[in-house]
Amino acid sequence: MTESLPTAAVRLSATSVARTALVAVRERAGGQVMFVQSGGCCAGSVPMCFPEGDFLTGDADVLLGDVDGSQFYIDASLDKALGHPEFILDVADGGPEGFSLGTVDGRHFVSRTDACLI
């Protein structure tokens, strides 16, 4: 079962650029999407964007919240190591890593936090 934070703990927000990109990605994907910030290396260093339900979350994943209905999960160990920071969903230049959906303009989603740039 995925751990969920109390509703009072707001730890996820998004830039207007990310929200605009998210609308276009949903359109292209044909439905809702989800984000997963894993604790691994390489592709695990940025949030991965998948069609909703294409990534199975489990006990090691924490639901931080959602951005306009798109749920955002983080690996519990990574969240703890970073000190349970607040995250901002944003976009950056360059294509996506791994199996992640990129934005429609050749960019990819990133998460930003005071703990570090991910």
PDB file of N, CA and C in Angstrom:
ATOM      1  N   MET A   1       0.834  -1.177   0.000  1.00  0.00           N
ATOM      2  CA  MET A   1       0.000   0.000   0.000  1.00  0.00           C
ATOM      3  C   MET A   1       0.879   1.240   0.000  1.00  0.00           C
ATOM      4  N   THR A   2       0.507   2.246  -0.737  1.00  0.00           N
ATOM      5  CA  THR A   2       1.262   3.484  -0.843  1.00  0.00           C
ATOM      6  C   THR A   2       0.956   4.389   0.340  1.00  0.00           C
ATOM      7  N   GLU A   3       2.022   4.922   0.945  1.00  0.00           N
ATOM      8  CA  GLU A   3       1.869   5.841   2.070  1.00  0.00           C
ATOM      9  C   GLU A   3       1.397   7.191   1.549  1.00  0.00           C
ATOM     10  N   SER A   4       0.463   7.799   2.233  1.00  0.00           N
ATOM     11  CA  SER A   4      -0.055   9.098   1.842  1.00  0.00           C
ATOM     12  C   SER A   4       0.165  10.096   2.959  1.00  0.00           C
ATOM     13  N   LEU A   5       0.469  11.318   2.606  1.00  0.00           N
ATOM     14  CA  LEU A   5       0.681  12.359   3.596  1.00  0.00           C
ATOM     15  C   LEU A   5      -0.639  12.961   4.027  1.00  0.00           C
ATOM     16  N   PRO A   6      -0.695  13.481   5.250  1.00  0.00           N
ATOM     17  CA  PRO A   6      -1.904  14.176   5.675  1.00  0.00           C
ATOM     18  C   PRO A   6      -2.205  15.340   4.736  1.00  0.00           C
ATOM     19  N   THR A   7      -3.465  15.657   4.561  1.00  0.00           N
ATOM     20  CA  THR A   7      -3.831  16.716   3.624  1.00  0.00           C
ATOM     21  C   THR A   7      -3.288  18.070   4.052  1.00  0.00           C
ATOM     22  N   ALA A   8      -2.990  18.269   5.326  1.00  0.00           N
ATOM     23  CA  ALA A   8      -2.469  19.545   5.804  1.00  0.00           C
ATOM     24  C   ALA A   8      -1.034  19.776   5.343  1.00  0.00           C
ATOM     25  N   ALA A   9      -0.315  18.709   5.004  1.00  0.00           N
ATOM     26  CA  ALA A   9       1.081  18.824   4.604  1.00  0.00           C
ATOM     27  C   ALA A   9       1.166  19.059   3.094  1.00  0.00           C
ATOM     28  N   VAL A  10       1.221  20.318   2.698  1.00  0.00           N
ATOM     29  CA  VAL A  10       1.328  20.647   1.283  1.00  0.00           C
ATOM     30  C   VAL A  10       2.804  20.705   0.924  1.00  0.00           C
ATOM     31  N   ARG A  11       3.247  19.735   0.145  1.00  0.00           N
ATOM     32  CA  ARG A  11       4.661  19.647  -0.199  1.00  0.00           C
ATOM     33  C   ARG A  11       4.898  19.628  -1.702  1.00  0.00           C
ATOM     34  N   LEU A  12       3.865  19.888  -2.481  1.00  0.00           N
ATOM     35  CA  LEU A  12       4.003  19.833  -3.923  1.00  0.00           C
ATOM     36  C   LEU A  12       3.276  21.002  -4.560  1.00  0.00           C
ATOM     37  N   SER A  13       3.973  21.689  -5.439  1.00  0.00           N
ATOM     38  CA  SER A  13       3.362  22.749  -6.235  1.00  0.00           C
ATOM     39  C   SER A  13       3.949  22.649  -7.641  1.00  0.00           C
ATOM     40  N   ALA A  14       3.535  23.521  -8.522  1.00  0.00           N
ATOM     41  CA  ALA A  14       4.023  23.484  -9.907  1.00  0.00           C
ATOM     42  C   ALA A  14       4.092  24.894 -10.465  1.00  0.00           C
ATOM     43  N   THR A  15       5.046  25.090 -11.358  1.00  0.00           N
ATOM     44  CA  THR A  15       5.141  26.372 -12.045  1.00  0.00           C
ATOM     45  C   THR A  15       4.038  26.443 -13.095  1.00  0.00           C
ATOM     46  N   SER A  16       3.751  27.636 -13.552  1.00  0.00           N
ATOM     47  CA  SER A  16       2.739  27.791 -14.605  1.00  0.00           C
ATOM     48  C   SER A  16       3.205  27.115 -15.893  1.00  0.00           C
ATOM     49  N   VAL A  17       4.502  27.112 -16.145  1.00  0.00           N
ATOM     50  CA  VAL A  17       5.046  26.446 -17.339  1.00  0.00           C
ATOM     51  C   VAL A  17       4.794  24.937 -17.254  1.00  0.00           C
ATOM     52  N   ALA A  18       5.003  24.361 -16.081  1.00  0.00           N
ATOM     53  CA  ALA A  18       4.766  22.922 -15.903  1.00  0.00           C
ATOM     54  C   ALA A  18       3.287  22.593 -16.047  1.00  0.00           C
ATOM     55  N   ARG A  19       2.419  23.442 -15.506  1.00  0.00           N
ATOM     56  CA  ARG A  19       0.975  23.200 -15.616  1.00  0.00           C
ATOM     57  C   ARG A  19       0.522  23.257 -17.083  1.00  0.00           C
ATOM     58  N   THR A  20       1.052  24.202 -17.837  1.00  0.00           N
ATOM     59  CA  THR A  20       0.718  24.307 -19.261  1.00  0.00           C
ATOM     60  C   THR A  20       1.223  23.080 -20.013  1.00  0.00           C
ATOM     61  N   ALA A  21       2.453  22.658 -19.712  1.00  0.00           N
ATOM     62  CA  ALA A  21       3.024  21.469 -20.358  1.00  0.00           C
ATOM     63  C   ALA A  21       2.213  20.231 -20.006  1.00  0.00           C
ATOM     64  N   LEU A  22       1.750  20.154 -18.778  1.00  0.00           N
ATOM     65  CA  LEU A  22       0.966  19.008 -18.328  1.00  0.00           C
ATOM     66  C   LEU A  22      -0.337  18.870 -19.105  1.00  0.00           C
ATOM     67  N   VAL A  23      -0.981  19.976 -19.387  1.00  0.00           N
ATOM     68  CA  VAL A  23      -2.215  19.946 -20.184  1.00  0.00           C
ATOM     69  C   VAL A  23      -1.930  19.325 -21.560  1.00  0.00           C
ATOM     70  N   ALA A  24      -0.855  19.767 -22.195  1.00  0.00           N
ATOM     71  CA  ALA A  24      -0.504  19.259 -23.530  1.00  0.00           C
ATOM     72  C   ALA A  24      -0.104  17.784 -23.481  1.00  0.00           C
ATOM     73  N   VAL A  25       0.618  17.375 -22.438  1.00  0.00           N
ATOM     74  CA  VAL A  25       1.030  15.972 -22.307  1.00  0.00           C
ATOM     75  C   VAL A  25      -0.191  15.084 -22.119  1.00  0.00           C
ATOM     76  N   ARG A  26      -1.141  15.523 -21.308  1.00  0.00           N
ATOM     77  CA  ARG A  26      -2.378  14.745 -21.118  1.00  0.00           C
ATOM     78  C   ARG A  26      -3.129  14.591 -22.432  1.00  0.00           C
ATOM     79  N   GLU A  27      -3.187  15.673 -23.188  1.00  0.00           N
ATOM     80  CA  GLU A  27      -3.865  15.614 -24.486  1.00  0.00           C
ATOM     81  C   GLU A  27      -3.209  14.580 -25.385  1.00  0.00           C
ATOM     82  N   ARG A  28      -1.889  14.635 -25.468  1.00  0.00           N
ATOM     83  CA  ARG A  28      -1.147  13.710 -26.319  1.00  0.00           C
ATOM     84  C   ARG A  28      -1.264  12.278 -25.806  1.00  0.00           C
ATOM     85  N   ALA A  29      -1.239  12.088 -24.484  1.00  0.00           N
ATOM     86  CA  ALA A  29      -1.303  10.749 -23.899  1.00  0.00           C
ATOM     87  C   ALA A  29      -2.719  10.183 -23.910  1.00  0.00           C
ATOM     88  N   GLY A  30      -3.703  11.027 -24.127  1.00  0.00           N
ATOM     89  CA  GLY A  30      -5.084  10.567 -24.167  1.00  0.00           C
ATOM     90  C   GLY A  30      -5.706  10.357 -22.797  1.00  0.00           C
ATOM     91  N   GLY A  31      -5.163  11.015 -21.781  1.00  0.00           N
ATOM     92  CA  GLY A  31      -5.738  10.893 -20.441  1.00  0.00           C
ATOM     93  C   GLY A  31      -4.783  11.388 -19.374  1.00  0.00           C
ATOM     94  N   GLN A  32      -5.141  11.082 -18.153  1.00  0.00           N
ATOM     95  CA  GLN A  32      -4.372  11.530 -16.989  1.00  0.00           C
ATOM     96  C   GLN A  32      -2.984  10.883 -16.970  1.00  0.00           C
ATOM     97  N   VAL A  33      -2.030  11.585 -16.366  1.00  0.00           N
ATOM     98  CA  VAL A  33      -0.679  11.063 -16.198  1.00  0.00           C
ATOM     99  C   VAL A  33      -0.311  11.101 -14.718  1.00  0.00           C
ATOM    100  N   MET A  34       0.790  10.445 -14.380  1.00  0.00           N
ATOM    101  CA  MET A  34       1.292  10.405 -13.012  1.00  0.00           C
ATOM    102  C   MET A  34       2.800  10.634 -13.037  1.00  0.00           C
ATOM    103  N   PHE A  35       3.353  11.026 -11.901  1.00  0.00           N
ATOM    104  CA  PHE A  35       4.792  11.249 -11.775  1.00  0.00           C
ATOM    105  C   PHE A  35       5.345  10.348 -10.689  1.00  0.00           C
ATOM    106  N   VAL A  36       6.579   9.850 -10.938  1.00  0.00           N
ATOM    107  CA  VAL A  36       7.271   9.019  -9.961  1.00  0.00           C
ATOM    108  C   VAL A  36       8.711   9.503  -9.865  1.00  0.00           C
ATOM    109  N   GLN A  37       9.118   9.893  -8.671  1.00  0.00           N
ATOM    110  CA  GLN A  37      10.501  10.300  -8.402  1.00  0.00           C
ATOM    111  C   GLN A  37      11.129   9.140  -7.651  1.00  0.00           C
ATOM    112  N   SER A  38      11.954   8.361  -8.347  1.00  0.00           N
ATOM    113  CA  SER A  38      12.509   7.159  -7.727  1.00  0.00           C
ATOM    114  C   SER A  38      13.792   7.484  -6.988  1.00  0.00           C
ATOM    115  N   GLY A  39      14.288   6.515  -6.266  1.00  0.00           N
ATOM    116  CA  GLY A  39      15.521   6.715  -5.516  1.00  0.00           C
ATOM    117  C   GLY A  39      16.733   6.187  -6.253  1.00  0.00           C
ATOM    118  N   GLY A  40      16.564   5.748  -7.493  1.00  0.00           N
ATOM    119  CA  GLY A  40      17.671   5.174  -8.243  1.00  0.00           C
ATOM    120  C   GLY A  40      18.567   6.220  -8.874  1.00  0.00           C
ATOM    121  N   CYS A  41      19.532   5.748  -9.617  1.00  0.00           N
ATOM    122  CA  CYS A  41      20.441   6.662 -10.303  1.00  0.00           C
ATOM    123  C   CYS A  41      19.942   6.925 -11.720  1.00  0.00           C
ATOM    124  N   CYS A  42      20.636   7.756 -12.426  1.00  0.00           N
ATOM    125  CA  CYS A  42      20.354   8.067 -13.832  1.00  0.00           C
ATOM    126  C   CYS A  42      18.914   8.556 -14.001  1.00  0.00           C
ATOM    127  N   ALA A  43      18.056   7.744 -14.583  1.00  0.00           N
ATOM    128  CA  ALA A  43      16.677   8.169 -14.812  1.00  0.00           C
ATOM    129  C   ALA A  43      15.948   8.440 -13.503  1.00  0.00           C
ATOM    130  N   GLY A  44      16.477   7.951 -12.380  1.00  0.00           N
ATOM    131  CA  GLY A  44      15.866   8.201 -11.083  1.00  0.00           C
ATOM    132  C   GLY A  44      16.145   9.588 -10.544  1.00  0.00           C
ATOM    133  N   SER A  45      16.939  10.379 -11.258  1.00  0.00           N
ATOM    134  CA  SER A  45      17.291  11.703 -10.759  1.00  0.00           C
ATOM    135  C   SER A  45      16.288  12.776 -11.170  1.00  0.00           C
ATOM    136  N   VAL A  46      15.314  12.434 -11.977  1.00  0.00           N
ATOM    137  CA  VAL A  46      14.256  13.360 -12.377  1.00  0.00           C
ATOM    138  C   VAL A  46      12.921  12.635 -12.232  1.00  0.00           C
ATOM    139  N   PRO A  47      11.833  13.379 -12.070  1.00  0.00           N
ATOM    140  CA  PRO A  47      10.547  12.685 -11.999  1.00  0.00           C
ATOM    141  C   PRO A  47      10.193  12.097 -13.366  1.00  0.00           C
ATOM    142  N   MET A  48       9.731  10.880 -13.342  1.00  0.00           N
ATOM    143  CA  MET A  48       9.308  10.214 -14.566  1.00  0.00           C
ATOM    144  C   MET A  48       7.801  10.426 -14.708  1.00  0.00           C
ATOM    145  N   CYS A  49       7.369  10.689 -15.923  1.00  0.00           N
ATOM    146  CA  CYS A  49       5.962  10.933 -16.211  1.00  0.00           C
ATOM    147  C   CYS A  49       5.423   9.764 -17.022  1.00  0.00           C
ATOM    148  N   PHE A  50       4.350   9.159 -16.542  1.00  0.00           N
ATOM    149  CA  PHE A  50       3.745   8.002 -17.194  1.00  0.00           C
ATOM    150  C   PHE A  50       2.240   8.212 -17.343  1.00  0.00           C
ATOM    151  N   PRO A  51       1.618   7.542 -18.328  1.00  0.00           N
ATOM    152  CA  PRO A  51       0.157   7.511 -18.328  1.00  0.00           C
ATOM    153  C   PRO A  51      -0.293   6.931 -16.987  1.00  0.00           C
ATOM    154  N   GLU A  52      -1.352   7.475 -16.424  1.00  0.00           N
ATOM    155  CA  GLU A  52      -1.820   7.035 -15.116  1.00  0.00           C
ATOM    156  C   GLU A  52      -2.006   5.530 -15.092  1.00  0.00           C
ATOM    157  N   GLY A  53      -1.417   4.877 -14.065  1.00  0.00           N
ATOM    158  CA  GLY A  53      -1.532   3.442 -13.895  1.00  0.00           C
ATOM    159  C   GLY A  53      -0.462   2.637 -14.599  1.00  0.00           C
ATOM    160  N   ASP A  54       0.357   3.253 -15.446  1.00  0.00           N
ATOM    161  CA  ASP A  54       1.408   2.515 -16.150  1.00  0.00           C
ATOM    162  C   ASP A  54       2.604   2.196 -15.263  1.00  0.00           C
ATOM    163  N   PHE A  55       2.713   2.838 -14.116  1.00  0.00           N
ATOM    164  CA  PHE A  55       3.769   2.544 -13.150  1.00  0.00           C
ATOM    165  C   PHE A  55       3.085   2.090 -11.874  1.00  0.00           C
ATOM    166  N   LEU A  56       3.429   0.890 -11.430  1.00  0.00           N
ATOM    167  CA  LEU A  56       2.808   0.361 -10.219  1.00  0.00           C
ATOM    168  C   LEU A  56       3.572   0.862  -9.003  1.00  0.00           C
ATOM    169  N   THR A  57       2.888   1.591  -8.145  1.00  0.00           N
ATOM    170  CA  THR A  57       3.506   2.075  -6.925  1.00  0.00           C
ATOM    171  C   THR A  57       3.322   1.032  -5.835  1.00  0.00           C
ATOM    172  N   GLY A  58       4.161   1.131  -4.796  1.00  0.00           N
ATOM    173  CA  GLY A  58       4.081   0.156  -3.723  1.00  0.00           C
ATOM    174  C   GLY A  58       4.406   0.755  -2.374  1.00  0.00           C
ATOM    175  N   ASP A  59       4.758  -0.098  -1.439  1.00  0.00           N
ATOM    176  CA  ASP A  59       5.024   0.317  -0.068  1.00  0.00           C
ATOM    177  C   ASP A  59       6.187   1.293   0.049  1.00  0.00           C
ATOM    178  N   ALA A  60       7.096   1.282  -0.895  1.00  0.00           N
ATOM    179  CA  ALA A  60       8.269   2.154  -0.837  1.00  0.00           C
ATOM    180  C   ALA A  60       8.010   3.527  -1.461  1.00  0.00           C
ATOM    181  N   ASP A  61       6.784   3.799  -1.866  1.00  0.00           N
ATOM    182  CA  ASP A  61       6.441   5.069  -2.513  1.00  0.00           C
ATOM    183  C   ASP A  61       5.537   5.910  -1.625  1.00  0.00           C
ATOM    184  N   VAL A  62       5.813   7.202  -1.586  1.00  0.00           N
ATOM    185  CA  VAL A  62       5.015   8.154  -0.813  1.00  0.00           C
ATOM    186  C   VAL A  62       4.280   9.058  -1.793  1.00  0.00           C
ATOM    187  N   LEU A  63       2.996   9.211  -1.618  1.00  0.00           N
ATOM    188  CA  LEU A  63       2.218  10.136  -2.436  1.00  0.00           C
ATOM    189  C   LEU A  63       2.369  11.531  -1.851  1.00  0.00           C
ATOM    190  N   LEU A  64       3.075  12.424  -2.579  1.00  0.00           N
ATOM    191  CA  LEU A  64       3.259  13.801  -2.106  1.00  0.00           C
ATOM    192  C   LEU A  64       2.013  14.638  -2.322  1.00  0.00           C
ATOM    193  N   GLY A  65       1.276  14.337  -3.352  1.00  0.00           N
ATOM    194  CA  GLY A  65       0.096  15.109  -3.703  1.00  0.00           C
ATOM    195  C   GLY A  65      -0.141  15.009  -5.189  1.00  0.00           C
ATOM    196  N   ASP A  66      -0.808  16.008  -5.731  1.00  0.00           N
ATOM    197  CA  ASP A  66      -1.039  15.987  -7.168  1.00  0.00           C
ATOM    198  C   ASP A  66      -0.965  17.403  -7.721  1.00  0.00           C
ATOM    199  N   VAL A  67      -0.714  17.458  -9.008  1.00  0.00           N
ATOM    200  CA  VAL A  67      -0.728  18.718  -9.749  1.00  0.00           C
ATOM    201  C   VAL A  67      -1.869  18.609 -10.741  1.00  0.00           C
ATOM    202  N   ASP A  68      -2.908  19.341 -10.489  1.00  0.00           N
ATOM    203  CA  ASP A  68      -4.083  19.346 -11.363  1.00  0.00           C
ATOM    204  C   ASP A  68      -4.574  17.936 -11.672  1.00  0.00           C
ATOM    205  N   GLY A  69      -4.577  17.084 -10.643  1.00  0.00           N
ATOM    206  CA  GLY A  69      -5.072  15.718 -10.796  1.00  0.00           C
ATOM    207  C   GLY A  69      -4.019  14.685 -11.115  1.00  0.00           C
ATOM    208  N   SER A  70      -2.817  15.098 -11.462  1.00  0.00           N
ATOM    209  CA  SER A  70      -1.726  14.158 -11.745  1.00  0.00           C
ATOM    210  C   SER A  70      -0.968  13.860 -10.458  1.00  0.00           C
ATOM    211  N   GLN A  71      -1.091  12.627  -9.969  1.00  0.00           N
ATOM    212  CA  GLN A  71      -0.450  12.258  -8.716  1.00  0.00           C
ATOM    213  C   GLN A  71       1.066  12.230  -8.857  1.00  0.00           C
ATOM    214  N   PHE A  72       1.757  12.605  -7.773  1.00  0.00           N
ATOM    215  CA  PHE A  72       3.222  12.659  -7.735  1.00  0.00           C
ATOM    216  C   PHE A  72       3.697  11.822  -6.556  1.00  0.00           C
ATOM    217  N   TYR A  73       4.437  10.755  -6.876  1.00  0.00           N
ATOM    218  CA  TYR A  73       4.980   9.851  -5.871  1.00  0.00           C
ATOM    219  C   TYR A  73       6.487  10.031  -5.782  1.00  0.00           C
ATOM    220  N   ILE A  74       7.037   9.792  -4.588  1.00  0.00           N
ATOM    221  CA  ILE A  74       8.480   9.805  -4.402  1.00  0.00           C
ATOM    222  C   ILE A  74       8.869   8.567  -3.609  1.00  0.00           C
ATOM    223  N   ASP A  75      10.034   8.030  -3.899  1.00  0.00           N
ATOM    224  CA  ASP A  75      10.566   6.913  -3.145  1.00  0.00           C
ATOM    225  C   ASP A  75      10.748   7.354  -1.694  1.00  0.00           C
ATOM    226  N   ALA A  76      10.251   6.582  -0.757  1.00  0.00           N
ATOM    227  CA  ALA A  76      10.279   6.952   0.660  1.00  0.00           C
ATOM    228  C   ALA A  76      11.699   7.166   1.166  1.00  0.00           C
ATOM    229  N   SER A  77      12.645   6.353   0.726  1.00  0.00           N
ATOM    230  CA  SER A  77      14.040   6.507   1.166  1.00  0.00           C
ATOM    231  C   SER A  77      14.635   7.810   0.658  1.00  0.00           C
ATOM    232  N   LEU A  78      14.343   8.162  -0.582  1.00  0.00           N
ATOM    233  CA  LEU A  78      14.833   9.423  -1.140  1.00  0.00           C
ATOM    234  C   LEU A  78      14.205  10.597  -0.407  1.00  0.00           C
ATOM    235  N   ASP A  79      12.927  10.517  -0.150  1.00  0.00           N
ATOM    236  CA  ASP A  79      12.227  11.582   0.561  1.00  0.00           C
ATOM    237  C   ASP A  79      12.850  11.799   1.946  1.00  0.00           C
ATOM    238  N   LYS A  80      13.119  10.716   2.631  1.00  0.00           N
ATOM    239  CA  LYS A  80      13.732  10.805   3.960  1.00  0.00           C
ATOM    240  C   LYS A  80      15.144  11.382   3.868  1.00  0.00           C
ATOM    241  N   ALA A  81      15.930  10.913   2.909  1.00  0.00           N
ATOM    242  CA  ALA A  81      17.310  11.398   2.749  1.00  0.00           C
ATOM    243  C   ALA A  81      17.348  12.896   2.448  1.00  0.00           C
ATOM    244  N   LEU A  82      16.355  13.386   1.720  1.00  0.00           N
ATOM    245  CA  LEU A  82      16.306  14.809   1.380  1.00  0.00           C
ATOM    246  C   LEU A  82      15.710  15.651   2.516  1.00  0.00           C
ATOM    247  N   GLY A  83      15.192  15.010   3.548  1.00  0.00           N
ATOM    248  CA  GLY A  83      14.635  15.745   4.682  1.00  0.00           C
ATOM    249  C   GLY A  83      13.180  16.135   4.505  1.00  0.00           C
ATOM    250  N   HIS A  84      12.435  15.390   3.699  1.00  0.00           N
ATOM    251  CA  HIS A  84      11.006  15.633   3.472  1.00  0.00           C
ATOM    252  C   HIS A  84      10.726  17.069   3.006  1.00  0.00           C
ATOM    253  N   PRO A  85      11.411  17.516   1.951  1.00  0.00           N
ATOM    254  CA  PRO A  85      11.248  18.907   1.501  1.00  0.00           C
ATOM    255  C   PRO A  85       9.966  19.124   0.702  1.00  0.00           C
ATOM    256  N   GLU A  86       9.710  20.376   0.403  1.00  0.00           N
ATOM    257  CA  GLU A  86       8.655  20.732  -0.535  1.00  0.00           C
ATOM    258  C   GLU A  86       9.247  20.629  -1.942  1.00  0.00           C
ATOM    259  N   PHE A  87       8.425  20.233  -2.913  1.00  0.00           N
ATOM    260  CA  PHE A  87       8.863  20.084  -4.296  1.00  0.00           C
ATOM    261  C   PHE A  87       8.059  21.004  -5.204  1.00  0.00           C
ATOM    262  N   ILE A  88       8.716  21.477  -6.238  1.00  0.00           N
ATOM    263  CA  ILE A  88       8.060  22.271  -7.278  1.00  0.00           C
ATOM    264  C   ILE A  88       8.267  21.540  -8.590  1.00  0.00           C
ATOM    265  N   LEU A  89       7.183  21.178  -9.258  1.00  0.00           N
ATOM    266  CA  LEU A  89       7.263  20.553 -10.569  1.00  0.00           C
ATOM    267  C   LEU A  89       7.512  21.653 -11.593  1.00  0.00           C
ATOM    268  N   ASP A  90       8.506  21.463 -12.446  1.00  0.00           N
ATOM    269  CA  ASP A  90       8.879  22.449 -13.450  1.00  0.00           C
ATOM    270  C   ASP A  90       9.286  21.697 -14.713  1.00  0.00           C
ATOM    271  N   VAL A  91       9.743  22.401 -15.719  1.00  0.00           N
ATOM    272  CA  VAL A  91      10.250  21.787 -16.938  1.00  0.00           C
ATOM    273  C   VAL A  91      11.636  22.341 -17.238  1.00  0.00           C
ATOM    274  N   ALA A  92      12.405  21.561 -18.000  1.00  0.00           N
ATOM    275  CA  ALA A  92      13.749  21.974 -18.398  1.00  0.00           C
ATOM    276  C   ALA A  92      13.984  21.537 -19.840  1.00  0.00           C
ATOM    277  N   ASP A  93      14.966  22.150 -20.462  1.00  0.00           N
ATOM    278  CA  ASP A  93      15.295  21.824 -21.845  1.00  0.00           C
ATOM    279  C   ASP A  93      15.829  20.404 -21.967  1.00  0.00           C
ATOM    280  N   GLY A  94      15.596  19.803 -23.112  1.00  0.00           N
ATOM    281  CA  GLY A  94      16.079  18.459 -23.400  1.00  0.00           C
ATOM    282  C   GLY A  94      14.975  17.427 -23.274  1.00  0.00           C
ATOM    283  N   GLY A  95      15.165  16.333 -23.953  1.00  0.00           N
ATOM    284  CA  GLY A  95      14.174  15.274 -23.953  1.00  0.00           C
ATOM    285  C   GLY A  95      14.134  14.517 -22.632  1.00  0.00           C
ATOM    286  N   PRO A  96      13.118  13.690 -22.449  1.00  0.00           N
ATOM    287  CA  PRO A  96      12.961  12.928 -21.217  1.00  0.00           C
ATOM    288  C   PRO A  96      13.954  11.770 -21.142  1.00  0.00           C
ATOM    289  N   GLU A  97      14.121  11.236 -19.938  1.00  0.00           N
ATOM    290  CA  GLU A  97      14.980  10.074 -19.733  1.00  0.00           C
ATOM    291  C   GLU A  97      14.136   8.818 -19.642  1.00  0.00           C
ATOM    292  N   GLY A  98      14.716   7.689 -20.004  1.00  0.00           N
ATOM    293  CA  GLY A  98      14.045   6.412 -19.857  1.00  0.00           C
ATOM    294  C   GLY A  98      12.724   6.349 -20.582  1.00  0.00           C
ATOM    295  N   PHE A  99      11.719   5.830 -19.902  1.00  0.00           N
ATOM    296  CA  PHE A  99      10.393   5.649 -20.479  1.00  0.00           C
ATOM    297  C   PHE A  99       9.450   6.803 -20.179  1.00  0.00           C
ATOM    298  N   SER A 100       9.976   7.881 -19.633  1.00  0.00           N
ATOM    299  CA  SER A 100       9.152   9.017 -19.246  1.00  0.00           C
ATOM    300  C   SER A 100       8.578   9.735 -20.457  1.00  0.00           C
ATOM    301  N   LEU A 101       7.361  10.239 -20.282  1.00  0.00           N
ATOM    302  CA  LEU A 101       6.776  11.105 -21.298  1.00  0.00           C
ATOM    303  C   LEU A 101       7.430  12.470 -21.190  1.00  0.00           C
ATOM    304  N   GLY A 102       7.797  13.036 -22.310  1.00  0.00           N
ATOM    305  CA  GLY A 102       8.332  14.387 -22.320  1.00  0.00           C
ATOM    306  C   GLY A 102       7.220  15.375 -22.631  1.00  0.00           C
ATOM    307  N   THR A 103       7.558  16.637 -22.599  1.00  0.00           N
ATOM    308  CA  THR A 103       6.577  17.650 -22.975  1.00  0.00           C
ATOM    309  C   THR A 103       6.459  17.660 -24.490  1.00  0.00           C
ATOM    310  N   VAL A 104       5.466  18.342 -25.008  1.00  0.00           N
ATOM    311  CA  VAL A 104       5.250  18.335 -26.454  1.00  0.00           C
ATOM    312  C   VAL A 104       6.245  19.234 -27.195  1.00  0.00           C
ATOM    313  N   ASP A 105       7.002  20.045 -26.450  1.00  0.00           N
ATOM    314  CA  ASP A 105       7.958  20.955 -27.092  1.00  0.00           C
ATOM    315  C   ASP A 105       9.413  20.518 -26.901  1.00  0.00           C
ATOM    316  N   GLY A 106       9.638  19.217 -26.667  1.00  0.00           N
ATOM    317  CA  GLY A 106      10.999  18.702 -26.567  1.00  0.00           C
ATOM    318  C   GLY A 106      11.677  18.953 -25.231  1.00  0.00           C
ATOM    319  N   ARG A 107      10.908  19.164 -24.199  1.00  0.00           N
ATOM    320  CA  ARG A 107      11.465  19.382 -22.873  1.00  0.00           C
ATOM    321  C   ARG A 107      11.087  18.208 -21.972  1.00  0.00           C
ATOM    322  N   HIS A 108      11.501  18.273 -20.733  1.00  0.00           N
ATOM    323  CA  HIS A 108      11.148  17.225 -19.771  1.00  0.00           C
ATOM    324  C   HIS A 108      10.806  17.860 -18.428  1.00  0.00           C
ATOM    325  N   PHE A 109      10.095  17.107 -17.618  1.00  0.00           N
ATOM    326  CA  PHE A 109       9.713  17.581 -16.292  1.00  0.00           C
ATOM    327  C   PHE A 109      10.881  17.416 -15.331  1.00  0.00           C
ATOM    328  N   VAL A 110      11.018  18.342 -14.409  1.00  0.00           N
ATOM    329  CA  VAL A 110      12.009  18.274 -13.339  1.00  0.00           C
ATOM    330  C   VAL A 110      11.314  18.635 -12.032  1.00  0.00           C
ATOM    331  N   SER A 111      11.915  18.203 -10.934  1.00  0.00           N
ATOM    332  CA  SER A 111      11.426  18.635  -9.626  1.00  0.00           C
ATOM    333  C   SER A 111      12.507  19.501  -9.000  1.00  0.00           C
ATOM    334  N   ARG A 112      12.079  20.571  -8.399  1.00  0.00           N
ATOM    335  CA  ARG A 112      13.004  21.488  -7.747  1.00  0.00           C
ATOM    336  C   ARG A 112      12.656  21.536  -6.255  1.00  0.00           C
ATOM    337  N   THR A 113      13.695  21.678  -5.461  1.00  0.00           N
ATOM    338  CA  THR A 113      13.528  21.736  -4.019  1.00  0.00           C
ATOM    339  C   THR A 113      14.699  22.490  -3.416  1.00  0.00           C
ATOM    340  N   ASP A 114      14.509  23.035  -2.243  1.00  0.00           N
ATOM    341  CA  ASP A 114      15.609  23.696  -1.562  1.00  0.00           C
ATOM    342  C   ASP A 114      16.686  22.708  -1.153  1.00  0.00           C
ATOM    343  N   ALA A 115      16.307  21.417  -1.012  1.00  0.00           N
ATOM    344  CA  ALA A 115      17.267  20.390  -0.603  1.00  0.00           C
ATOM    345  C   ALA A 115      18.323  20.194  -1.691  1.00  0.00           C
ATOM    346  N   CYS A 116      17.930  20.263  -2.944  1.00  0.00           N
ATOM    347  CA  CYS A 116      18.836  20.149  -4.088  1.00  0.00           C
ATOM    348  C   CYS A 116      18.009  20.249  -5.358  1.00  0.00           C
ATOM    349  N   LEU A 117      18.666  20.409  -6.481  1.00  0.00           N
ATOM    350  CA  LEU A 117      17.967  20.395  -7.773  1.00  0.00           C
ATOM    351  C   LEU A 117      17.948  18.957  -8.247  1.00  0.00           C
ATOM    352  N   ILE A 118      16.759  18.445  -8.490  1.00  0.00           N
ATOM    353  CA  ILE A 118      16.631  17.054  -8.938  1.00  0.00           C
ATOM    354  C   ILE A 118      16.142  17.046 -10.364  1.00  0.00           C
TER     355      ILE A 118
END
